[in-house]
N, C-alpha and C. Protein backbone atom coordinates (compact mmCIF):
# COMPACT_ATOMS: atom_id res chain seq x y z
N MET A 1 -58.03 185.55 -80.15
CA MET A 1 -57.85 184.57 -81.06
C MET A 1 -56.92 183.48 -80.63
N TYR A 2 -57.30 182.23 -80.95
CA TYR A 2 -56.40 181.09 -80.59
C TYR A 2 -55.31 181.02 -81.65
N PHE A 3 -54.11 180.58 -81.30
CA PHE A 3 -53.03 180.29 -82.31
C PHE A 3 -53.60 179.42 -83.52
N THR A 4 -54.37 178.44 -83.19
CA THR A 4 -55.00 177.53 -84.19
C THR A 4 -55.79 178.14 -85.18
N ASP A 5 -56.41 179.23 -84.65
CA ASP A 5 -57.28 180.02 -85.66
C ASP A 5 -56.65 180.44 -86.87
N ARG A 6 -55.30 180.58 -86.89
CA ARG A 6 -54.54 180.99 -88.08
C ARG A 6 -54.64 179.88 -89.09
N GLY A 7 -54.55 178.73 -88.63
CA GLY A 7 -54.57 177.49 -89.58
C GLY A 7 -55.92 177.32 -90.10
N ILE A 8 -56.94 177.59 -89.34
CA ILE A 8 -58.24 177.48 -89.75
C ILE A 8 -58.72 178.54 -90.67
N GLU A 9 -58.14 179.84 -90.52
CA GLU A 9 -58.44 180.97 -91.39
C GLU A 9 -57.64 180.59 -92.80
N GLU A 10 -56.48 179.91 -92.72
CA GLU A 10 -55.88 179.66 -94.05
C GLU A 10 -56.67 178.63 -94.68
N LEU A 11 -57.11 177.51 -93.95
CA LEU A 11 -57.86 176.52 -94.55
C LEU A 11 -59.11 177.11 -95.35
N GLU A 12 -59.76 178.11 -94.53
CA GLU A 12 -60.98 178.71 -95.24
C GLU A 12 -60.64 179.55 -96.32
N ASN A 13 -59.69 180.28 -96.23
CA ASN A 13 -59.20 181.17 -97.28
C ASN A 13 -58.84 180.43 -98.64
N ARG A 14 -58.00 179.50 -98.39
CA ARG A 14 -57.41 178.64 -99.49
C ARG A 14 -58.40 177.71 -100.02
N ARG A 15 -59.43 177.03 -99.27
CA ARG A 15 -60.14 175.93 -99.78
C ARG A 15 -61.56 176.23 -99.41
N GLY A 16 -61.95 177.22 -98.90
CA GLY A 16 -63.36 177.41 -98.35
C GLY A 16 -64.43 177.34 -99.47
N ASP A 17 -64.06 177.37 -100.82
CA ASP A 17 -65.12 177.27 -101.74
C ASP A 17 -65.15 175.82 -102.29
N GLU A 18 -64.37 174.94 -101.93
CA GLU A 18 -64.43 173.55 -102.41
C GLU A 18 -65.45 172.87 -101.65
N GLU A 19 -65.86 171.83 -102.38
CA GLU A 19 -66.87 170.71 -101.74
C GLU A 19 -66.05 169.48 -101.76
N VAL A 20 -65.94 168.89 -100.62
CA VAL A 20 -65.29 167.54 -100.50
C VAL A 20 -66.09 166.59 -99.68
N SER A 21 -65.91 165.31 -99.74
CA SER A 21 -66.73 164.41 -99.11
C SER A 21 -66.14 164.18 -97.79
N LEU A 22 -66.87 163.59 -96.88
CA LEU A 22 -66.38 163.24 -95.50
C LEU A 22 -65.32 162.04 -95.54
N ALA A 23 -65.58 161.20 -96.56
CA ALA A 23 -64.54 160.21 -96.82
C ALA A 23 -63.18 160.68 -97.26
N TRP A 24 -63.20 161.82 -98.03
CA TRP A 24 -61.91 162.49 -98.38
C TRP A 24 -61.33 163.11 -97.28
N ILE A 25 -62.08 163.68 -96.18
CA ILE A 25 -61.66 164.22 -95.01
C ILE A 25 -60.96 163.26 -94.11
N ALA A 26 -61.59 162.10 -94.08
CA ALA A 26 -61.26 160.87 -93.23
C ALA A 26 -59.91 160.48 -93.84
N GLU A 27 -59.71 160.33 -94.98
CA GLU A 27 -58.55 159.85 -95.62
C GLU A 27 -57.41 160.79 -95.35
N ARG A 28 -57.74 162.20 -95.33
CA ARG A 28 -56.58 163.24 -95.01
C ARG A 28 -56.23 163.08 -93.64
N PHE A 29 -57.18 162.75 -92.70
CA PHE A 29 -56.80 162.63 -91.32
C PHE A 29 -55.96 161.45 -91.18
N ARG A 30 -56.39 160.28 -91.75
CA ARG A 30 -55.30 159.18 -91.73
C ARG A 30 -53.98 159.53 -92.16
N GLU A 31 -53.74 160.17 -93.40
CA GLU A 31 -52.53 160.50 -93.96
C GLU A 31 -51.79 161.40 -92.82
N PHE A 32 -52.46 162.41 -92.20
CA PHE A 32 -51.86 163.25 -91.27
C PHE A 32 -51.26 162.43 -90.14
N VAL A 33 -51.96 161.61 -89.62
CA VAL A 33 -51.72 160.82 -88.46
C VAL A 33 -50.52 159.81 -88.86
N ASP A 34 -50.58 159.27 -90.10
CA ASP A 34 -49.36 158.47 -90.51
C ASP A 34 -48.06 159.26 -90.53
N LEU A 35 -48.19 160.58 -90.95
CA LEU A 35 -47.15 161.39 -91.03
C LEU A 35 -46.67 162.06 -89.64
N ASN A 36 -47.79 162.13 -88.85
CA ASN A 36 -47.45 162.78 -87.38
C ASN A 36 -48.09 162.02 -86.47
N PRO A 37 -47.58 160.75 -86.00
CA PRO A 37 -48.29 160.00 -84.95
C PRO A 37 -48.56 160.50 -83.68
N ASP A 38 -47.68 161.71 -83.26
CA ASP A 38 -48.01 162.36 -82.01
C ASP A 38 -49.33 163.01 -81.97
N PHE A 39 -49.90 163.16 -83.11
CA PHE A 39 -51.20 163.93 -83.18
C PHE A 39 -52.37 162.96 -83.32
N GLU A 40 -52.06 161.54 -83.10
CA GLU A 40 -53.23 160.68 -83.22
C GLU A 40 -54.29 160.98 -82.20
N VAL A 41 -54.17 161.22 -81.04
CA VAL A 41 -55.25 161.56 -79.98
C VAL A 41 -55.97 162.74 -80.45
N PRO A 42 -55.41 163.93 -80.61
CA PRO A 42 -56.26 165.00 -81.04
C PRO A 42 -57.01 164.85 -82.23
N VAL A 43 -56.35 164.14 -83.38
CA VAL A 43 -57.18 163.99 -84.52
C VAL A 43 -58.30 162.99 -84.31
N GLU A 44 -58.14 161.94 -83.49
CA GLU A 44 -59.14 161.07 -83.12
C GLU A 44 -60.23 161.76 -82.29
N ARG A 45 -59.99 162.67 -81.36
CA ARG A 45 -60.93 163.48 -80.69
C ARG A 45 -61.72 164.33 -81.68
N LEU A 46 -60.98 165.09 -82.50
CA LEU A 46 -61.78 165.94 -83.58
C LEU A 46 -62.73 165.13 -84.44
N ALA A 47 -62.20 163.98 -84.96
CA ALA A 47 -63.08 163.00 -85.81
C ALA A 47 -64.38 162.65 -85.02
N THR A 48 -64.06 162.18 -83.83
CA THR A 48 -65.23 161.69 -83.11
C THR A 48 -66.23 162.79 -82.71
N TRP A 49 -65.67 164.07 -82.40
CA TRP A 49 -66.57 165.13 -82.21
C TRP A 49 -67.29 165.44 -83.40
N LEU A 50 -66.74 165.60 -84.54
CA LEU A 50 -67.34 165.78 -85.79
C LEU A 50 -68.39 164.72 -86.13
N ALA A 51 -68.09 163.50 -85.82
CA ALA A 51 -69.00 162.26 -86.05
C ALA A 51 -70.28 162.29 -85.20
N ARG A 52 -70.25 162.87 -84.07
CA ARG A 52 -71.26 162.96 -83.01
C ARG A 52 -72.00 164.18 -83.00
N LEU A 53 -71.68 165.13 -83.76
CA LEU A 53 -72.37 166.41 -83.61
C LEU A 53 -73.95 166.49 -83.59
N ASP A 54 -74.60 165.63 -84.26
CA ASP A 54 -76.09 165.59 -84.32
C ASP A 54 -76.61 164.58 -83.25
N ASP A 55 -75.77 163.92 -82.46
CA ASP A 55 -76.24 162.89 -81.59
C ASP A 55 -77.13 163.75 -80.43
N GLU A 56 -78.32 163.31 -80.34
CA GLU A 56 -79.23 163.93 -79.33
C GLU A 56 -78.82 163.58 -77.93
N ASP A 57 -78.30 162.36 -77.81
CA ASP A 57 -77.90 161.84 -76.44
C ASP A 57 -76.85 162.66 -75.78
N ASP A 58 -75.99 163.44 -76.64
CA ASP A 58 -74.85 164.11 -75.97
C ASP A 58 -75.24 165.42 -75.67
N GLU A 59 -76.59 165.91 -75.74
CA GLU A 59 -76.96 167.10 -75.31
C GLU A 59 -77.35 167.28 -73.90
């Protein structure tokens, strides 16, 4: 188990039954980066990865 799995598990346990829009998630990413600018690159990479999950060209 990776260390980050703990946060992922907490997210799933606390909010796993909620439905949110991708616009809501994008706004939370922006807020997080505003508060934690050192994480701009990892958040950007995660957002880009999520945005491109269904791209056939990347396979």
